[in-house]
């Protein structure tokens, strides 16, 4: 016969049920409940993480004294404006769920 280690609360539940099938039902009580947290945004989140990593590389280079052309500075300011505008649109948007 196999030996199993169970919590006291699980043992109590077995005693409360009082049937031979209670041990089989124990699985119901000990399995973690999984909730689907898939929002469909995983690719988008990965892209944002990649962008953040690249911007951190640029920031690090600039901190140690790397010089860049004025045109590149303008592009970074444009990116900053774009990110700020996009952030505001997302934050203040009423659209929250694709299923609604």
Protein backbone atom coordinates (compact mmCIF):
# COMPACT_ATOMS: atom_id res chain seq x y z
CA UNK A 1 0.00 0.00 0.00
CA UNK A 2 1.26 3.46 -0.88
CA UNK A 3 1.78 6.14 1.74
CA UNK A 4 0.50 9.67 1.27
CA UNK A 5 1.16 12.79 3.27
CA UNK A 6 -1.87 15.03 3.63
CA UNK A 7 -2.68 18.10 5.65
CA UNK A 8 -4.82 17.77 8.74
CA UNK A 9 -7.56 19.80 7.06
CA UNK A 10 -7.55 17.33 4.17
CA UNK A 11 -7.77 14.42 6.60
CA UNK A 12 -10.68 16.13 8.33
CA UNK A 13 -12.42 16.53 4.98
CA UNK A 14 -11.96 12.81 4.32
CA UNK A 15 -13.52 11.99 7.66
CA UNK A 16 -16.45 14.32 7.01
CA UNK A 17 -17.29 12.68 3.71
CA UNK A 18 -17.28 9.20 5.24
CA UNK A 19 -17.19 7.27 1.97
CA UNK A 20 -14.65 5.07 0.23
CA UNK A 21 -14.55 7.40 -2.73
CA UNK A 22 -13.45 10.24 -0.47
CA UNK A 23 -9.79 9.55 -1.14
CA UNK A 24 -10.44 9.91 -4.84
CA UNK A 25 -12.31 13.15 -4.18
CA UNK A 26 -9.36 14.49 -2.22
CA UNK A 27 -7.77 15.55 -5.48
CA UNK A 28 -10.55 18.11 -5.88
CA UNK A 29 -9.57 19.78 -2.63
CA UNK A 30 -5.80 19.85 -3.06
CA UNK A 31 -5.44 20.96 -6.68
CA UNK A 32 -4.65 24.64 -7.13
CA UNK A 33 -7.29 26.64 -8.88
CA UNK A 34 -6.06 28.02 -12.18
CA UNK A 35 -7.53 31.20 -13.55
CA UNK A 36 -7.02 32.19 -17.15
CA UNK A 37 -5.09 35.44 -17.06
CA UNK A 38 -4.46 35.57 -20.79
CA UNK A 39 -5.31 39.06 -21.96
CA UNK A 40 -4.08 38.56 -25.48
CA UNK A 41 -1.44 41.22 -24.90
CA UNK A 42 1.61 38.99 -24.41
CA UNK A 43 3.22 39.97 -27.74
CA UNK A 44 2.60 43.62 -27.01
CA UNK A 45 4.11 43.32 -23.52
CA UNK A 46 7.16 41.57 -24.99
CA UNK A 47 7.59 44.39 -27.52
CA UNK A 48 7.34 47.02 -24.80
CA UNK A 49 9.91 45.16 -22.68
CA UNK A 50 12.27 45.06 -25.67
CA UNK A 51 11.81 48.80 -26.24
CA UNK A 52 12.51 49.49 -22.57
CA UNK A 53 15.70 47.40 -22.72
CA UNK A 54 16.93 49.30 -25.78
CA UNK A 55 16.13 52.68 -24.22
CA UNK A 56 18.00 51.65 -21.06
CA UNK A 57 21.02 50.81 -23.24
CA UNK A 58 20.86 54.26 -24.85
CA UNK A 59 20.41 55.91 -21.46
CA UNK A 60 23.40 54.05 -20.06
CA UNK A 61 25.56 55.07 -23.02
CA UNK A 62 24.57 58.71 -22.62
CA UNK A 63 25.29 58.64 -18.87
CA UNK A 64 28.89 57.59 -19.47
CA UNK A 65 29.43 60.42 -21.94
CA UNK A 66 28.52 59.04 -25.38
CA UNK A 67 27.91 61.89 -27.81
CA UNK A 68 25.08 61.76 -30.34
CA UNK A 69 24.13 63.98 -33.25
CA UNK A 70 21.43 66.64 -32.78
CA UNK A 71 19.21 64.75 -35.27
CA UNK A 72 19.33 61.70 -32.99
CA UNK A 73 18.39 63.86 -30.00
CA UNK A 74 15.38 65.14 -31.97
CA UNK A 75 14.34 61.55 -32.74
CA UNK A 76 14.53 60.65 -29.05
CA UNK A 77 12.40 63.67 -28.14
CA UNK A 78 9.88 62.63 -30.82
CA UNK A 79 9.81 59.11 -29.38
CA UNK A 80 9.25 60.59 -25.93
CA UNK A 81 6.32 62.68 -27.18
CA UNK A 82 4.85 59.64 -28.95
CA UNK A 83 5.15 57.48 -25.82
CA UNK A 84 3.60 60.20 -23.64
CA UNK A 85 0.64 60.65 -26.02
CA UNK A 86 0.12 56.90 -26.39
CA UNK A 87 0.28 56.43 -22.63
CA UNK A 88 -2.39 59.07 -22.08
CA UNK A 89 -4.63 57.53 -24.74
CA UNK A 90 -4.34 54.09 -23.16
CA UNK A 91 -4.78 55.32 -19.58
CA UNK A 92 -7.84 57.42 -20.31
CA UNK A 93 -9.45 55.08 -22.80
CA UNK A 94 -12.77 53.53 -21.82
CA UNK A 95 -12.02 50.45 -23.92
CA UNK A 96 -10.84 47.82 -21.46
CA UNK A 97 -11.99 44.40 -22.63
CA UNK A 98 -12.12 42.99 -26.13
CA UNK A 99 -15.00 40.66 -25.17
CA UNK A 100 -17.36 43.47 -24.13
